[in-house]
N, C-alpha and C. Protein backbone atom coordinates (compact mmCIF):
# COMPACT_ATOMS: atom_id res chain seq x y z
N MET A 1 -5.96 -1.55 -5.23
CA MET A 1 -5.91 -0.10 -5.11
C MET A 1 -4.91 0.53 -5.54
N ASN A 2 -4.93 1.60 -6.53
CA ASN A 2 -3.97 2.21 -6.93
C ASN A 2 -3.65 3.54 -6.21
N ILE A 3 -2.53 3.52 -5.78
CA ILE A 3 -1.97 4.60 -4.76
C ILE A 3 -1.28 5.56 -5.89
N ASP A 4 -2.06 6.76 -6.19
CA ASP A 4 -1.53 7.67 -7.12
C ASP A 4 -1.94 9.08 -6.75
N TYR A 5 -1.51 10.04 -7.67
CA TYR A 5 -1.71 11.41 -7.19
C TYR A 5 -3.13 11.49 -6.75
N LYS A 6 -4.22 11.01 -7.45
CA LYS A 6 -5.68 11.35 -7.10
C LYS A 6 -5.87 10.81 -5.74
N PHE A 7 -5.22 9.72 -5.31
CA PHE A 7 -5.30 9.09 -3.88
C PHE A 7 -4.83 10.37 -2.88
N LEU A 8 -3.82 10.78 -3.16
CA LEU A 8 -3.12 12.03 -2.28
C LEU A 8 -4.05 13.26 -2.46
N ASP A 9 -4.41 13.72 -3.62
CA ASP A 9 -5.29 14.69 -3.73
C ASP A 9 -6.71 14.63 -3.00
N ASP A 10 -7.08 13.42 -2.99
CA ASP A 10 -8.41 13.01 -2.25
C ASP A 10 -8.17 13.28 -0.75
N LEU A 11 -6.87 13.03 -0.22
CA LEU A 11 -6.63 13.30 1.23
C LEU A 11 -6.51 14.73 1.48
N GLY A 12 -6.47 15.45 0.32
CA GLY A 12 -6.25 16.98 0.61
C GLY A 12 -4.72 17.40 0.53
N LEU A 13 -3.90 16.62 -0.25
CA LEU A 13 -2.70 16.89 -0.49
C LEU A 13 -2.36 17.31 -1.84
N ALA A 14 -3.22 18.00 -2.57
CA ALA A 14 -3.17 18.36 -4.06
C ALA A 14 -2.11 19.44 -4.25
N SER A 15 -1.86 20.23 -3.20
CA SER A 15 -0.84 21.42 -3.48
C SER A 15 0.65 20.89 -3.02
N VAL A 16 0.79 19.65 -2.69
CA VAL A 16 2.11 19.19 -2.38
C VAL A 16 2.84 18.86 -3.87
N PRO A 17 4.01 19.37 -3.94
CA PRO A 17 4.86 19.17 -5.16
C PRO A 17 4.89 17.78 -5.74
N ASP A 18 4.80 17.65 -7.04
CA ASP A 18 4.83 16.34 -7.56
C ASP A 18 5.97 15.51 -7.25
N ASP A 19 7.21 16.11 -7.16
CA ASP A 19 8.18 15.23 -6.72
C ASP A 19 8.09 14.65 -5.17
N GLN A 20 7.47 15.47 -4.52
CA GLN A 20 7.03 14.99 -3.06
C GLN A 20 5.98 13.99 -2.97
N LYS A 21 5.00 14.11 -4.04
CA LYS A 21 4.05 13.13 -4.05
C LYS A 21 4.56 11.87 -4.46
N ASP A 22 5.42 11.97 -5.49
CA ASP A 22 6.11 10.76 -5.88
C ASP A 22 6.70 9.81 -4.76
N LEU A 23 7.33 10.67 -3.88
CA LEU A 23 7.98 10.08 -2.76
C LEU A 23 6.86 9.35 -1.74
N MET A 24 6.00 10.19 -1.45
CA MET A 24 4.87 9.63 -0.67
C MET A 24 4.20 8.36 -1.24
N ILE A 25 3.83 8.39 -2.62
CA ILE A 25 3.22 7.26 -3.19
C ILE A 25 4.31 6.06 -2.98
N GLN A 26 5.61 6.32 -3.09
CA GLN A 26 6.54 5.16 -2.83
C GLN A 26 6.33 4.62 -1.47
N ASP A 27 6.33 5.50 -0.54
CA ASP A 27 6.33 5.14 0.93
C ASP A 27 5.01 4.44 1.32
N ILE A 28 4.07 4.96 0.66
CA ILE A 28 2.64 4.40 0.98
C ILE A 28 2.48 2.96 0.52
N ASN A 29 2.85 2.74 -0.89
CA ASN A 29 2.94 1.33 -1.35
C ASN A 29 3.95 0.40 -0.63
N GLN A 30 4.98 0.87 0.01
CA GLN A 30 5.86 -0.01 0.82
C GLN A 30 5.20 -0.36 2.01
N ILE A 31 4.48 0.57 2.57
CA ILE A 31 3.68 0.42 3.83
C ILE A 31 2.72 -0.65 3.66
N LEU A 32 1.93 -0.47 2.57
CA LEU A 32 0.88 -1.28 2.19
C LEU A 32 1.46 -2.63 1.93
N GLN A 33 2.38 -2.65 1.11
CA GLN A 33 2.98 -4.16 0.90
C GLN A 33 3.45 -4.86 2.15
N GLU A 34 3.90 -4.19 3.03
CA GLU A 34 4.49 -4.77 4.34
C GLU A 34 3.26 -5.20 5.18
N ARG A 35 2.39 -4.40 5.13
CA ARG A 35 1.17 -4.70 6.10
C ARG A 35 0.36 -5.88 5.38
N ILE A 36 0.04 -5.58 4.16
CA ILE A 36 -0.56 -6.73 3.47
C ILE A 36 0.02 -8.13 3.60
N GLY A 37 1.30 -7.94 3.38
CA GLY A 37 2.05 -9.28 3.36
C GLY A 37 2.16 -9.87 4.82
N ALA A 38 2.05 -9.13 5.71
CA ALA A 38 2.14 -9.53 7.24
C ALA A 38 0.78 -10.03 7.53
N ARG A 39 -0.42 -9.46 7.18
CA ARG A 39 -1.68 -9.93 7.39
C ARG A 39 -1.88 -11.26 6.57
N ALA A 40 -1.35 -11.34 5.33
CA ALA A 40 -1.56 -12.61 4.57
C ALA A 40 -0.77 -13.64 5.20
N ASP A 41 0.46 -13.29 5.54
CA ASP A 41 1.27 -14.26 6.17
C ASP A 41 0.62 -14.95 7.50
N GLU A 42 -0.18 -14.34 8.29
CA GLU A 42 -0.81 -14.80 9.34
C GLU A 42 -2.09 -15.77 8.94
N ALA A 43 -2.36 -15.57 7.71
CA ALA A 43 -3.78 -16.24 7.25
C ALA A 43 -3.20 -17.65 6.53
N LEU A 44 -1.89 -17.69 6.10
CA LEU A 44 -1.50 -18.85 5.48
C LEU A 44 -1.02 -20.10 6.10
N THR A 45 -1.12 -21.24 5.62
CA THR A 45 -0.63 -22.39 6.23
C THR A 45 0.79 -22.39 5.93
N ASP A 46 1.48 -23.14 6.58
CA ASP A 46 3.04 -23.39 6.36
C ASP A 46 3.34 -23.68 4.85
N GLU A 47 2.46 -24.60 4.26
CA GLU A 47 2.44 -25.03 2.99
C GLU A 47 2.33 -23.94 2.02
N LYS A 48 1.32 -23.08 2.29
CA LYS A 48 1.07 -22.04 1.54
C LYS A 48 2.12 -21.03 1.41
N ARG A 49 2.59 -20.75 2.73
CA ARG A 49 3.60 -19.79 2.83
C ARG A 49 4.71 -20.16 2.13
N GLN A 50 5.28 -21.33 2.08
CA GLN A 50 6.15 -22.00 1.34
C GLN A 50 6.06 -21.69 -0.18
N GLU A 51 4.84 -22.15 -0.65
CA GLU A 51 4.49 -21.86 -2.03
C GLU A 51 4.65 -20.24 -2.51
N LEU A 52 4.14 -19.55 -1.51
CA LEU A 52 4.31 -18.04 -1.88
C LEU A 52 5.79 -17.67 -1.77
N ASP A 53 6.45 -18.05 -0.84
CA ASP A 53 7.84 -17.88 -0.82
C ASP A 53 8.87 -18.30 -2.11
N ASN A 54 8.37 -19.54 -2.67
CA ASN A 54 8.96 -20.03 -3.83
C ASN A 54 8.58 -19.08 -5.17
N LEU A 55 7.28 -18.60 -5.20
CA LEU A 55 6.68 -17.62 -6.02
C LEU A 55 7.54 -16.43 -6.06
N LEU A 56 7.73 -15.87 -4.95
CA LEU A 56 8.20 -14.42 -4.83
C LEU A 56 9.81 -14.58 -5.08
N THR A 57 10.42 -15.88 -4.83
CA THR A 57 11.97 -15.78 -5.20
C THR A 57 12.21 -16.23 -6.58
N SER A 58 11.20 -16.43 -7.34
CA SER A 58 11.27 -16.95 -8.72
C SER A 58 11.30 -15.78 -9.88
N ASN A 59 11.48 -14.79 -9.30
CA ASN A 59 11.24 -13.35 -10.28
C ASN A 59 9.81 -13.47 -11.11
N THR A 60 8.88 -13.60 -10.32
CA THR A 60 7.62 -13.68 -10.98
C THR A 60 6.95 -12.32 -11.20
N ASP A 61 6.30 -12.14 -11.98
CA ASP A 61 5.70 -10.57 -12.39
C ASP A 61 4.42 -10.28 -11.26
N GLN A 62 4.25 -9.20 -11.03
CA GLN A 62 3.45 -8.70 -10.07
C GLN A 62 2.02 -9.20 -10.40
N ALA A 63 1.61 -9.38 -11.54
CA ALA A 63 0.13 -9.96 -11.83
C ALA A 63 -0.01 -11.31 -11.46
N THR A 64 1.04 -12.05 -11.55
CA THR A 64 1.04 -13.46 -11.22
C THR A 64 0.93 -13.49 -9.61
N VAL A 65 1.72 -12.71 -8.99
CA VAL A 65 1.67 -12.85 -7.62
C VAL A 65 0.24 -12.34 -6.99
N GLN A 66 -0.39 -11.28 -7.57
CA GLN A 66 -1.72 -10.82 -7.29
C GLN A 66 -2.79 -11.98 -7.48
N ASN A 67 -2.57 -12.70 -8.51
CA ASN A 67 -3.46 -13.76 -8.80
C ASN A 67 -3.37 -14.82 -7.73
N TRP A 68 -2.16 -15.09 -7.46
CA TRP A 68 -1.77 -16.15 -6.41
C TRP A 68 -2.52 -15.79 -5.20
N PHE A 69 -2.40 -14.56 -4.69
CA PHE A 69 -3.24 -14.13 -3.45
C PHE A 69 -4.60 -14.08 -3.65
N SER A 70 -5.25 -13.67 -4.74
CA SER A 70 -6.43 -13.76 -4.98
C SER A 70 -7.02 -15.28 -4.73
N ALA A 71 -6.32 -16.18 -5.34
CA ALA A 71 -6.77 -17.51 -5.30
C ALA A 71 -6.56 -18.28 -4.05
N ASN A 72 -5.63 -17.70 -3.37
CA ASN A 72 -5.33 -18.50 -1.85
C ASN A 72 -5.78 -17.67 -0.79
N LEU A 73 -6.26 -16.60 -0.90
CA LEU A 73 -6.84 -15.72 0.16
C LEU A 73 -8.08 -15.32 -0.13
N PRO A 74 -9.13 -15.79 0.13
CA PRO A 74 -10.50 -15.51 -0.39
C PRO A 74 -10.80 -14.08 -0.08
N ASN A 75 -10.27 -13.51 1.07
CA ASN A 75 -10.62 -12.21 1.55
C ASN A 75 -9.58 -11.08 1.24
N TYR A 76 -8.79 -11.53 0.19
CA TYR A 76 -7.77 -10.71 -0.23
C TYR A 76 -8.13 -9.11 -0.64
N PRO A 77 -9.23 -9.04 -1.51
CA PRO A 77 -9.52 -7.73 -1.65
C PRO A 77 -10.00 -6.90 -0.55
N GLN A 78 -10.57 -7.71 0.45
CA GLN A 78 -11.02 -6.83 1.66
C GLN A 78 -9.92 -6.69 2.48
N LEU A 79 -8.97 -7.38 2.49
CA LEU A 79 -7.61 -7.15 3.23
C LEU A 79 -6.89 -5.87 2.72
N ILE A 80 -6.90 -5.67 1.36
CA ILE A 80 -6.25 -4.64 0.84
C ILE A 80 -6.98 -3.26 1.20
N GLN A 81 -8.42 -3.50 0.96
CA GLN A 81 -9.04 -2.28 1.14
C GLN A 81 -9.04 -1.92 2.63
N ALA A 82 -9.03 -2.81 3.68
CA ALA A 82 -8.81 -2.51 5.13
C ALA A 82 -7.67 -1.75 5.33
N GLU A 83 -6.42 -2.27 4.66
CA GLU A 83 -5.30 -1.62 4.96
C GLU A 83 -5.17 -0.22 4.30
N VAL A 84 -5.79 -0.19 3.13
CA VAL A 84 -5.73 1.29 2.55
C VAL A 84 -6.53 2.20 3.42
N GLU A 85 -7.63 1.75 3.84
CA GLU A 85 -8.41 2.69 4.80
C GLU A 85 -7.54 2.92 6.16
N ARG A 86 -7.00 2.09 6.51
CA ARG A 86 -6.15 2.27 7.74
C ARG A 86 -5.15 3.24 7.58
N VAL A 87 -4.50 3.28 6.19
CA VAL A 87 -3.47 4.28 5.97
C VAL A 87 -4.11 5.74 5.81
N LYS A 88 -5.24 5.66 5.09
CA LYS A 88 -5.82 6.94 5.05
C LYS A 88 -6.08 7.46 6.21
N ALA A 89 -6.71 6.79 7.20
CA ALA A 89 -7.04 7.13 8.42
C ALA A 89 -5.71 7.75 9.31
N GLU A 90 -4.61 7.17 9.18
CA GLU A 90 -3.13 7.51 9.69
C GLU A 90 -2.87 8.95 9.15
N ILE A 91 -3.13 8.85 7.79
CA ILE A 91 -2.53 10.28 7.26
C ILE A 91 -3.46 11.46 7.32
N GLY A 92 -4.76 11.33 7.48
CA GLY A 92 -5.86 12.23 7.63
C GLY A 92 -5.30 13.28 8.67
N PRO A 93 -5.08 12.89 9.91
CA PRO A 93 -4.79 13.97 10.93
C PRO A 93 -3.48 14.62 10.67
N GLN A 94 -2.61 14.08 9.76
CA GLN A 94 -1.42 14.71 9.59
C GLN A 94 -1.36 15.58 8.44
N VAL A 95 -2.35 15.90 7.62
CA VAL A 95 -2.49 16.52 6.29
C VAL A 95 -2.09 18.12 6.51
N THR A 96 -2.63 18.71 7.65
CA THR A 96 -2.35 20.19 7.87
C THR A 96 -0.96 20.18 8.20
N GLY A 97 -0.36 19.41 8.89
CA GLY A 97 1.14 19.48 9.22
C GLY A 97 1.90 19.41 7.82
N ILE A 98 1.56 18.40 7.05
CA ILE A 98 2.24 18.09 5.76
C ILE A 98 2.07 19.43 4.97
N LEU A 99 1.04 20.04 4.69
CA LEU A 99 0.75 21.26 3.95
C LEU A 99 1.72 22.39 4.58
N GLN A 100 1.55 22.58 5.68
CA GLN A 100 2.36 23.66 6.50
C GLN A 100 3.91 23.27 6.03
N ASN A 101 4.33 22.17 6.11
CA ASN A 101 5.74 22.08 5.83
C ASN A 101 6.15 22.38 4.26
N TYR A 102 5.26 22.24 3.58
CA TYR A 102 5.44 22.59 2.13
C TYR A 102 5.38 24.05 1.80
N SER A 103 4.34 24.53 2.74
CA SER A 103 4.23 26.08 2.40
C SER A 103 5.47 26.92 2.86
N THR A 104 5.90 26.40 3.84
CA THR A 104 7.07 27.31 4.59
C THR A 104 8.38 26.91 3.91
N ALA A 105 8.41 25.69 3.20
CA ALA A 105 9.51 25.42 2.40
C ALA A 105 9.71 25.97 1.02
N SER A 106 8.54 26.57 0.48
CA SER A 106 8.64 27.39 -0.69
C SER A 106 9.03 28.54 -0.53
């Protein structure tokens, strides 16, 4: 899932300034990485966990890591989608407050 301006716009945050959207995107990506990592960790055996750790500490590119997850966690796409939906559900009720913060800051 690509967290980008369209993702934020779809949540109702189109009027947020781009520099603030960039920060939101960074935050959301960080949250998703942590949550997906934690859920993946729960599903992995000790051997697979060590294999992943070795992969992550070897300066491997993101595509290789994604491929590893896809190969070793059959439900990886569903796991990602579930966490993205969870983040959307958490942000949704906050949209009005976020927009008010930016309208009063202008």
